[in-house]
PDB file of N, CA and C in Angstrom:
ATOM      1  N   MET A   1     139.482 200.745 136.059  1.00  0.00           N
ATOM      2  CA  MET A   1     139.493 201.988 136.797  1.00  0.00           C
ATOM      3  C   MET A   1     139.554 203.139 135.790  1.00  0.00           C
ATOM      4  N   SER A   2     138.741 204.158 135.979  1.00  0.00           N
ATOM      5  CA  SER A   2     138.690 205.282 135.050  1.00  0.00           C
ATOM      6  C   SER A   2     139.842 206.256 135.318  1.00  0.00           C
ATOM      7  N   ILE A   3     140.043 207.139 134.401  1.00  0.00           N
ATOM      8  CA  ILE A   3     141.117 208.127 134.533  1.00  0.00           C
ATOM      9  C   ILE A   3     140.836 209.067 135.703  1.00  0.00           C
ATOM     10  N   GLN A   4     139.561 209.448 135.861  1.00  0.00           N
ATOM     11  CA  GLN A   4     139.216 210.349 136.965  1.00  0.00           C
ATOM     12  C   GLN A   4     139.514 209.700 138.318  1.00  0.00           C
ATOM     13  N   GLU A   5     139.204 208.416 138.461  1.00  0.00           N
ATOM     14  CA  GLU A   5     139.481 207.727 139.721  1.00  0.00           C
ATOM     15  C   GLU A   5     140.984 207.664 139.986  1.00  0.00           C
ATOM     16  N   THR A   6     141.740 207.374 138.966  1.00  0.00           N
ATOM     17  CA  THR A   6     143.194 207.309 139.116  1.00  0.00           C
ATOM     18  C   THR A   6     143.752 208.659 139.531  1.00  0.00           C
ATOM     19  N   MET A   7     143.275 209.730 138.916  1.00  0.00           N
ATOM     20  CA  MET A   7     143.752 211.067 139.261  1.00  0.00           C
ATOM     21  C   MET A   7     143.370 211.446 140.692  1.00  0.00           C
ATOM     22  N   ARG A   8     142.167 211.079 141.124  1.00  0.00           N
ATOM     23  CA  ARG A   8     141.750 211.368 142.502  1.00  0.00           C
ATOM     24  C   ARG A   8     142.627 210.637 143.500  1.00  0.00           C
ATOM     25  N   LYS A   9     142.954 209.362 143.212  1.00  0.00           N
ATOM     26  CA  LYS A   9     143.800 208.582 144.111  1.00  0.00           C
ATOM     27  C   LYS A   9     145.203 209.186 144.197  1.00  0.00           C
ATOM     28  N   ARG A  10     145.734 209.576 143.077  1.00  0.00           N
ATOM     29  CA  ARG A  10     147.074 210.179 143.079  1.00  0.00           C
ATOM     30  C   ARG A  10     147.072 211.485 143.853  1.00  0.00           C
ATOM     31  N   SER A  11     146.030 212.266 143.652  1.00  0.00           N
ATOM     32  CA  SER A  11     145.923 213.542 144.349  1.00  0.00           C
ATOM     33  C   SER A  11     145.797 213.334 145.856  1.00  0.00           C
ATOM     34  N   ALA A  12     144.976 212.388 146.259  1.00  0.00           N
ATOM     35  CA  ALA A  12     144.804 212.099 147.685  1.00  0.00           C
ATOM     36  C   ALA A  12     146.099 211.559 148.273  1.00  0.00           C
ATOM     37  N   HIS A  13     146.806 210.709 147.550  1.00  0.00           N
ATOM     38  CA  HIS A  13     148.057 210.126 148.034  1.00  0.00           C
ATOM     39  C   HIS A  13     149.129 211.201 148.207  1.00  0.00           C
ATOM     40  N   SER A  14     149.207 212.133 147.286  1.00  0.00           N
ATOM     41  CA  SER A  14     150.241 213.160 147.379  1.00  0.00           C
ATOM     42  C   SER A  14     149.943 214.150 148.504  1.00  0.00           C
ATOM     43  N   ARG A  15     148.658 214.372 148.835  1.00  0.00           N
ATOM     44  CA  ARG A  15     148.321 215.241 149.967  1.00  0.00           C
ATOM     45  C   ARG A  15     148.648 214.568 151.286  1.00  0.00           C
ATOM     46  N   ASP A  16     148.513 213.246 151.332  1.00  0.00           N
ATOM     47  CA  ASP A  16     148.800 212.507 152.566  1.00  0.00           C
ATOM     48  C   ASP A  16     150.297 212.386 152.816  1.00  0.00           C
ATOM     49  N   ASP A  17     151.079 212.344 151.760  1.00  0.00           N
ATOM     50  CA  ASP A  17     152.515 212.131 151.884  1.00  0.00           C
ATOM     51  C   ASP A  17     153.252 213.420 151.511  1.00  0.00           C
ATOM     52  N   PRO A  18     153.684 214.188 152.522  1.00  0.00           N
ATOM     53  CA  PRO A  18     154.338 215.461 152.224  1.00  0.00           C
ATOM     54  C   PRO A  18     155.702 215.294 151.557  1.00  0.00           C
ATOM     55  N   SER A  19     156.279 214.110 151.671  1.00  0.00           N
ATOM     56  CA  SER A  19     157.592 213.908 151.066  1.00  0.00           C
ATOM     57  C   SER A  19     157.488 213.578 149.571  1.00  0.00           C
ATOM     58  N   ALA A  20     156.259 213.500 149.079  1.00  0.00           N
ATOM     59  CA  ALA A  20     156.076 213.184 147.658  1.00  0.00           C
ATOM     60  C   ALA A  20     156.709 214.287 146.809  1.00  0.00           C
ATOM     61  N   SER A  21     157.443 213.874 145.863  1.00  0.00           N
ATOM     62  CA  SER A  21     158.168 214.826 145.024  1.00  0.00           C
ATOM     63  C   SER A  21     157.212 215.522 144.067  1.00  0.00           C
ATOM     64  N   ARG A  22     157.290 216.829 144.027  1.00  0.00           N
ATOM     65  CA  ARG A  22     156.455 217.607 143.117  1.00  0.00           C
ATOM     66  C   ARG A  22     157.322 218.386 142.146  1.00  0.00           C
ATOM     67  N   SER A  23     158.483 217.885 141.882  1.00  0.00           N
ATOM     68  CA  SER A  23     159.370 218.614 140.979  1.00  0.00           C
ATOM     69  C   SER A  23     158.878 218.474 139.543  1.00  0.00           C
ATOM     70  N   ARG A  24     159.038 219.535 138.835  1.00  0.00           N
ATOM     71  CA  ARG A  24     158.682 219.541 137.425  1.00  0.00           C
ATOM     72  C   ARG A  24     159.923 219.846 136.625  1.00  0.00           C
ATOM     73  N   ARG A  25     159.970 219.279 135.492  1.00  0.00           N
ATOM     74  CA  ARG A  25     161.091 219.540 134.603  1.00  0.00           C
ATOM     75  C   ARG A  25     160.905 220.910 133.960  1.00  0.00           C
ATOM     76  N   LYS A  26     161.950 221.714 133.991  1.00  0.00           N
ATOM     77  CA  LYS A  26     161.856 223.037 133.395  1.00  0.00           C
ATOM     78  C   LYS A  26     161.751 222.920 131.889  1.00  0.00           C
ATOM     79  N   ARG A  27     160.970 223.811 131.329  1.00  0.00           N
ATOM     80  CA  ARG A  27     160.835 223.836 129.878  1.00  0.00           C
ATOM     81  C   ARG A  27     162.010 224.591 129.286  1.00  0.00           C
ATOM     82  N   PHE A  28     162.426 224.136 128.145  1.00  0.00           N
ATOM     83  CA  PHE A  28     163.500 224.818 127.437  1.00  0.00           C
ATOM     84  C   PHE A  28     162.855 225.729 126.409  1.00  0.00           C
ATOM     85  N   LEU A  29     163.044 227.013 126.584  1.00  0.00           N
ATOM     86  CA  LEU A  29     162.463 227.981 125.675  1.00  0.00           C
ATOM     87  C   LEU A  29     163.519 228.373 124.655  1.00  0.00           C
ATOM     88  N   SER A  30     163.244 228.087 123.426  1.00  0.00           N
ATOM     89  CA  SER A  30     164.195 228.358 122.361  1.00  0.00           C
ATOM     90  C   SER A  30     163.748 229.583 121.575  1.00  0.00           C
ATOM     91  N   TYR A  31     164.656 230.508 121.439  1.00  0.00           N
ATOM     92  CA  TYR A  31     164.375 231.682 120.634  1.00  0.00           C
ATOM     93  C   TYR A  31     164.921 231.449 119.227  1.00  0.00           C
ATOM     94  N   PRO A  32     164.172 231.810 118.221  1.00  0.00           N
ATOM     95  CA  PRO A  32     164.689 231.624 116.856  1.00  0.00           C
ATOM     96  C   PRO A  32     165.931 232.485 116.638  1.00  0.00           C
ATOM     97  N   ARG A  33     166.879 231.908 115.983  1.00  0.00           N
ATOM     98  CA  ARG A  33     168.109 232.629 115.662  1.00  0.00           C
ATOM     99  C   ARG A  33     168.273 232.656 114.150  1.00  0.00           C
ATOM    100  N   PHE A  34     168.925 233.707 113.673  1.00  0.00           N
ATOM    101  CA  PHE A  34     169.114 233.887 112.246  1.00  0.00           C
ATOM    102  C   PHE A  34     170.598 234.007 111.947  1.00  0.00           C
ATOM    103  N   VAL A  35     171.066 233.241 110.980  1.00  0.00           N
ATOM    104  CA  VAL A  35     172.442 233.307 110.525  1.00  0.00           C
ATOM    105  C   VAL A  35     172.404 233.792 109.092  1.00  0.00           C
ATOM    106  N   GLU A  36     172.980 234.965 108.876  1.00  0.00           N
ATOM    107  CA  GLU A  36     173.015 235.542 107.535  1.00  0.00           C
ATOM    108  C   GLU A  36     174.379 235.254 106.921  1.00  0.00           C
ATOM    109  N   LEU A  37     174.374 234.721 105.714  1.00  0.00           N
ATOM    110  CA  LEU A  37     175.611 234.306 105.071  1.00  0.00           C
ATOM    111  C   LEU A  37     175.834 235.015 103.749  1.00  0.00           C
ATOM    112  N   MET A  38     177.102 235.279 103.481  1.00  0.00           N
ATOM    113  CA  MET A  38     177.515 235.684 102.154  1.00  0.00           C
ATOM    114  C   MET A  38     178.277 234.485 101.600  1.00  0.00           C
ATOM    115  N   VAL A  39     177.830 233.969 100.482  1.00  0.00           N
ATOM    116  CA  VAL A  39     178.444 232.784  99.885  1.00  0.00           C
ATOM    117  C   VAL A  39     179.197 233.212  98.635  1.00  0.00           C
ATOM    118  N   THR A  40     180.437 232.747  98.511  1.00  0.00           N
ATOM    119  CA  THR A  40     181.216 233.066  97.315  1.00  0.00           C
ATOM    120  C   THR A  40     181.622 231.787  96.602  1.00  0.00           C
ATOM    121  N   ALA A  41     181.719 231.885  95.302  1.00  0.00           N
ATOM    122  CA  ALA A  41     182.172 230.767  94.471  1.00  0.00           C
ATOM    123  C   ALA A  41     183.298 231.285  93.582  1.00  0.00           C
ATOM    124  N   ASP A  42     184.342 230.487  93.438  1.00  0.00           N
ATOM    125  CA  ASP A  42     185.481 230.918  92.636  1.00  0.00           C
ATOM    126  C   ASP A  42     185.372 230.404  91.203  1.00  0.00           C
ATOM    127  N   THR A  43     186.361 230.719  90.416  1.00  0.00           N
ATOM    128  CA  THR A  43     186.337 230.340  89.004  1.00  0.00           C
ATOM    129  C   THR A  43     186.383 228.831  88.807  1.00  0.00           C
ATOM    130  N   LYS A  44     187.014 228.150  89.736  1.00  0.00           N
ATOM    131  CA  LYS A  44     187.084 226.681  89.632  1.00  0.00           C
ATOM    132  C   LYS A  44     185.676 226.064  89.728  1.00  0.00           C
ATOM    133  N   MET A  45     184.885 226.574  90.667  1.00  0.00           N
ATOM    134  CA  MET A  45     183.500 226.089  90.784  1.00  0.00           C
ATOM    135  C   MET A  45     182.686 226.492  89.559  1.00  0.00           C
ATOM    136  N   LEU A  46     182.937 227.681  89.071  1.00  0.00           N
ATOM    137  CA  LEU A  46     182.212 228.165  87.895  1.00  0.00           C
ATOM    138  C   LEU A  46     182.513 227.295  86.675  1.00  0.00           C
ATOM    139  N   ARG A  47     183.777 226.923  86.496  1.00  0.00           N
ATOM    140  CA  ARG A  47     184.135 226.043  85.381  1.00  0.00           C
ATOM    141  C   ARG A  47     183.494 224.668  85.520  1.00  0.00           C
ATOM    142  N   HIS A  48     183.472 224.153  86.760  1.00  0.00           N
ATOM    143  CA  HIS A  48     182.941 222.802  86.981  1.00  0.00           C
ATOM    144  C   HIS A  48     181.418 222.742  86.814  1.00  0.00           C
ATOM    145  N   HIS A  49     180.705 223.704  87.382  1.00  0.00           N
ATOM    146  CA  HIS A  49     179.232 223.652  87.380  1.00  0.00           C
ATOM    147  C   HIS A  49     178.603 224.462  86.250  1.00  0.00           C
ATOM    148  N   GLY A  50     179.335 225.386  85.685  1.00  0.00           N
ATOM    149  CA  GLY A  50     178.828 226.170  84.558  1.00  0.00           C
ATOM    150  C   GLY A  50     177.576 226.959  84.897  1.00  0.00           C
ATOM    151  N   ARG A  51     176.581 226.876  84.016  1.00  0.00           N
ATOM    152  CA  ARG A  51     175.332 227.633  84.203  1.00  0.00           C
ATOM    153  C   ARG A  51     174.547 227.183  85.431  1.00  0.00           C
ATOM    154  N   ASN A  52     174.805 225.975  85.921  1.00  0.00           N
ATOM    155  CA  ASN A  52     174.064 225.440  87.075  1.00  0.00           C
ATOM    156  C   ASN A  52     174.683 225.812  88.415  1.00  0.00           C
ATOM    157  N   LEU A  53     175.687 226.677  88.420  1.00  0.00           N
ATOM    158  CA  LEU A  53     176.388 227.003  89.665  1.00  0.00           C
ATOM    159  C   LEU A  53     175.460 227.584  90.728  1.00  0.00           C
ATOM    160  N   GLU A  54     174.669 228.571  90.356  1.00  0.00           N
ATOM    161  CA  GLU A  54     173.766 229.187  91.339  1.00  0.00           C
ATOM    162  C   GLU A  54     172.774 228.151  91.880  1.00  0.00           C
ATOM    163  N   HIS A  55     172.228 227.343  91.021  1.00  0.00           N
ATOM    164  CA  HIS A  55     171.301 226.292  91.445  1.00  0.00           C
ATOM    165  C   HIS A  55     171.998 225.311  92.400  1.00  0.00           C
ATOM    166  N   TYR A  56     173.229 224.933  92.081  1.00  0.00           N
ATOM    167  CA  TYR A  56     173.998 224.014  92.930  1.00  0.00           C
ATOM    168  C   TYR A  56     174.226 224.614  94.320  1.00  0.00           C
ATOM    169  N   ILE A  57     174.657 225.862  94.364  1.00  0.00           N
ATOM    170  CA  ILE A  57     174.926 226.514  95.656  1.00  0.00           C
ATOM    171  C   ILE A  57     173.654 226.626  96.478  1.00  0.00           C
ATOM    172  N   LEU A  58     172.557 227.036  95.855  1.00  0.00           N
ATOM    173  CA  LEU A  58     171.296 227.178  96.588  1.00  0.00           C
ATOM    174  C   LEU A  58     170.780 225.826  97.080  1.00  0.00           C
ATOM    175  N   THR A  59     171.022 224.772  96.317  1.00  0.00           N
ATOM    176  CA  THR A  59     170.618 223.429  96.750  1.00  0.00           C
ATOM    177  C   THR A  59     171.415 222.997  97.971  1.00  0.00           C
ATOM    178  N   ILE A  60     172.733 223.209  97.922  1.00  0.00           N
ATOM    179  CA  ILE A  60     173.588 222.859  99.068  1.00  0.00           C
ATOM    180  C   ILE A  60     173.181 223.653 100.305  1.00  0.00           C
ATOM    181  N   MET A  61     172.914 224.933 100.131  1.00  0.00           N
ATOM    182  CA  MET A  61     172.534 225.771 101.271  1.00  0.00           C
ATOM    183  C   MET A  61     171.148 225.394 101.800  1.00  0.00           C
ATOM    184  N   SER A  62     170.292 224.879 100.949  1.00  0.00           N
ATOM    185  CA  SER A  62     168.994 224.386 101.399  1.00  0.00           C
ATOM    186  C   SER A  62     169.168 223.178 102.322  1.00  0.00           C
ATOM    187  N   VAL A  63     170.102 222.316 101.975  1.00  0.00           N
ATOM    188  CA  VAL A  63     170.399 221.158 102.831  1.00  0.00           C
ATOM    189  C   VAL A  63     170.964 221.626 104.166  1.00  0.00           C
ATOM    190  N   VAL A  64     171.856 222.611 104.136  1.00  0.00           N
ATOM    191  CA  VAL A  64     172.428 223.166 105.371  1.00  0.00           C
ATOM    192  C   VAL A  64     171.319 223.737 106.253  1.00  0.00           C
ATOM    193  N   ALA A  65     170.406 224.495 105.652  1.00  0.00           N
ATOM    194  CA  ALA A  65     169.300 225.087 106.410  1.00  0.00           C
ATOM    195  C   ALA A  65     168.428 224.006 107.040  1.00  0.00           C
ATOM    196  N   ALA A  66     168.188 222.926 106.309  1.00  0.00           N
ATOM    197  CA  ALA A  66     167.368 221.829 106.849  1.00  0.00           C
ATOM    198  C   ALA A  66     168.064 221.148 108.023  1.00  0.00           C
ATOM    199  N   ILE A  67     169.379 221.002 107.945  1.00  0.00           N
ATOM    200  CA  ILE A  67     170.126 220.387 109.052  1.00  0.00           C
ATOM    201  C   ILE A  67     170.016 221.242 110.308  1.00  0.00           C
ATOM    202  N   TYR A  68     170.144 222.551 110.155  1.00  0.00           N
ATOM    203  CA  TYR A  68     170.077 223.435 111.321  1.00  0.00           C
ATOM    204  C   TYR A  68     168.667 223.593 111.879  1.00  0.00           C
ATOM    205  N   LYS A  69     167.657 223.215 111.128  1.00  0.00           N
ATOM    206  CA  LYS A  69     166.286 223.265 111.642  1.00  0.00           C
ATOM    207  C   LYS A  69     165.873 221.957 112.302  1.00  0.00           C
ATOM    208  N   ASP A  70     166.741 220.962 112.293  1.00  0.00           N
ATOM    209  CA  ASP A  70     166.426 219.673 112.892  1.00  0.00           C
ATOM    210  C   ASP A  70     166.251 219.832 114.405  1.00  0.00           C
ATOM    211  N   PRO A  71     165.253 219.174 114.996  1.00  0.00           N
ATOM    212  CA  PRO A  71     165.023 219.295 116.439  1.00  0.00           C
ATOM    213  C   PRO A  71     166.215 218.865 117.299  1.00  0.00           C
ATOM    214  N   SER A  72     167.069 218.016 116.778  1.00  0.00           N
ATOM    215  CA  SER A  72     168.211 217.560 117.571  1.00  0.00           C
ATOM    216  C   SER A  72     169.210 218.680 117.836  1.00  0.00           C
ATOM    217  N   VAL A  73     169.161 219.743 117.052  1.00  0.00           N
ATOM    218  CA  VAL A  73     170.056 220.879 117.274  1.00  0.00           C
ATOM    219  C   VAL A  73     169.677 221.586 118.576  1.00  0.00           C
ATOM    220  N   GLY A  74     168.405 221.604 118.901  1.00  0.00           N
ATOM    221  CA  GLY A  74     167.959 222.188 120.164  1.00  0.00           C
ATOM    222  C   GLY A  74     167.501 223.627 120.058  1.00  0.00           C
ATOM    223  N   ASN A  75     167.848 224.305 119.013  1.00  0.00           N
ATOM    224  CA  ASN A  75     167.416 225.676 118.777  1.00  0.00           C
ATOM    225  C   ASN A  75     166.918 225.795 117.350  1.00  0.00           C
ATOM    226  N   LEU A  76     166.017 226.741 117.158  1.00  0.00           N
ATOM    227  CA  LEU A  76     165.551 227.014 115.801  1.00  0.00           C
ATOM    228  C   LEU A  76     166.533 227.985 115.172  1.00  0.00           C
ATOM    229  N   ILE A  77     167.317 227.510 114.207  1.00  0.00           N
ATOM    230  CA  ILE A  77     168.314 228.338 113.538  1.00  0.00           C
ATOM    231  C   ILE A  77     167.929 228.458 112.069  1.00  0.00           C
ATOM    232  N   ASN A  78     167.723 229.688 111.646  1.00  0.00           N
ATOM    233  CA  ASN A  78     167.357 229.968 110.262  1.00  0.00           C
ATOM    234  C   ASN A  78     168.590 230.436 109.496  1.00  0.00           C
ATOM    235  N   ILE A  79     168.918 229.728 108.439  1.00  0.00           N
ATOM    236  CA  ILE A  79     170.050 230.085 107.593  1.00  0.00           C
ATOM    237  C   ILE A  79     169.524 230.910 106.428  1.00  0.00           C
ATOM    238  N   MET A  80     170.112 232.087 106.226  1.00  0.00           N
ATOM    239  CA  MET A  80     169.659 232.977 105.162  1.00  0.00           C
ATOM    240  C   MET A  80     170.855 233.428 104.337  1.00  0.00           C
ATOM    241  N   ILE A  81     170.744 233.286 103.030  1.00  0.00           N
ATOM    242  CA  ILE A  81     171.792 233.786 102.147  1.00  0.00           C
ATOM    243  C   ILE A  81     171.472 235.239 101.836  1.00  0.00           C
ATOM    244  N   VAL A  82     172.373 236.117 102.248  1.00  0.00           N
ATOM    245  CA  VAL A  82     172.176 237.542 102.032  1.00  0.00           C
ATOM    246  C   VAL A  82     172.803 237.968 100.709  1.00  0.00           C
ATOM    247  N   LYS A  83     173.935 237.343 100.390  1.00  0.00           N
ATOM    248  CA  LYS A  83     174.634 237.719  99.168  1.00  0.00           C
ATOM    249  C   LYS A  83     175.301 236.492  98.570  1.00  0.00           C
ATOM    250  N   LEU A  84     175.218 236.370  97.258  1.00  0.00           N
ATOM    251  CA  LEU A  84     175.866 235.281  96.531  1.00  0.00           C
ATOM    252  C   LEU A  84     176.780 235.921  95.496  1.00  0.00           C
ATOM    253  N   ILE A  85     178.077 235.655  95.640  1.00  0.00           N
ATOM    254  CA  ILE A  85     179.059 236.261  94.750  1.00  0.00           C
ATOM    255  C   ILE A  85     179.765 235.161  93.973  1.00  0.00           C
ATOM    256  N   VAL A  86     179.833 235.358  92.654  1.00  0.00           N
ATOM    257  CA  VAL A  86     180.585 234.451  91.793  1.00  0.00           C
ATOM    258  C   VAL A  86     181.756 235.248  91.234  1.00  0.00           C
ATOM    259  N   ILE A  87     182.954 234.796  91.552  1.00  0.00           N
ATOM    260  CA  ILE A  87     184.161 235.467  91.077  1.00  0.00           C
ATOM    261  C   ILE A  87     184.471 234.901  89.687  1.00  0.00           C
ATOM    262  N   HIS A  88     184.363 235.744  88.684  1.00  0.00           N
ATOM    263  CA  HIS A  88     184.534 235.294  87.301  1.00  0.00           C
ATOM    264  C   HIS A  88     185.988 235.294  86.851  1.00  0.00           C
ATOM    265  N   ASN A  89     186.757 236.252  87.294  1.00  0.00           N
ATOM    266  CA  ASN A  89     188.168 236.277  86.901  1.00  0.00           C
ATOM    267  C   ASN A  89     189.021 236.525  88.142  1.00  0.00           C
ATOM    268  N   GLU A  90     189.765 235.523  88.517  1.00  0.00           N
ATOM    269  CA  GLU A  90     190.610 235.615  89.708  1.00  0.00           C
ATOM    270  C   GLU A  90     191.922 236.272  89.344  1.00  0.00           C
ATOM    271  N   GLN A  91     192.374 237.104  90.242  1.00  0.00           N
ATOM    272  CA  GLN A  91     193.695 237.703  90.103  1.00  0.00           C
ATOM    273  C   GLN A  91     194.484 237.376  91.366  1.00  0.00           C
ATOM    274  N   VAL A  92     195.751 237.162  91.205  1.00  0.00           N
ATOM    275  CA  VAL A  92     196.589 236.890  92.359  1.00  0.00           C
ATOM    276  C   VAL A  92     196.689 238.156  93.190  1.00  0.00           C
ATOM    277  N   HIS A  93     196.533 238.023  94.492  1.00  0.00           N
ATOM    278  CA  HIS A  93     196.602 239.131  95.462  1.00  0.00           C
ATOM    279  C   HIS A  93     195.522 240.195  95.232  1.00  0.00           C
ATOM    280  N   GLN A  94     194.400 239.777  94.755  1.00  0.00           N
ATOM    281  CA  GLN A  94     193.304 240.718  94.550  1.00  0.00           C
ATOM    282  C   GLN A  94     192.669 241.040  95.895  1.00  0.00           C
ATOM    283  N   LYS A  95     192.447 242.311  96.190  1.00  0.00           N
ATOM    284  CA  LYS A  95     191.809 242.724  97.434  1.00  0.00           C
ATOM    285  C   LYS A  95     190.346 243.004  97.139  1.00  0.00           C
ATOM    286  N   THR A  96     189.488 242.389  97.921  1.00  0.00           N
ATOM    287  CA  THR A  96     188.060 242.575  97.735  1.00  0.00           C
ATOM    288  C   THR A  96     187.452 243.024  99.047  1.00  0.00           C
ATOM    289  N   SER A  97     186.615 244.028  99.003  1.00  0.00           N
ATOM    290  CA  SER A  97     185.916 244.469 100.208  1.00  0.00           C
ATOM    291  C   SER A  97     184.427 244.538  99.907  1.00  0.00           C
ATOM    292  N   PHE A  98     183.631 244.183 100.909  1.00  0.00           N
ATOM    293  CA  PHE A  98     182.177 244.153 100.730  1.00  0.00           C
ATOM    294  C   PHE A  98     181.506 244.950 101.800  1.00  0.00           C
TER     295      PHE A  98
END
């Protein structure tokens, strides 16, 4: 049986039977969302990673961005690093404002 014949039969059957369900599943419309982050690293991270600290942080954040773009999340979420701060000399009770 061809596809056209099958479709005609289904169409004829649904017209004959008014109780035939014609419900459709609603589409989920996802709007892209953006998360802007300021990432900070302290002196402990700087000592451990040295010159590769920025590369390490950007690699980790790339993995985070990939996780949030996974279809299982249900929404398109874009992770963006707006500012990357490396604290070179920590002081006790230092107040920082950005």
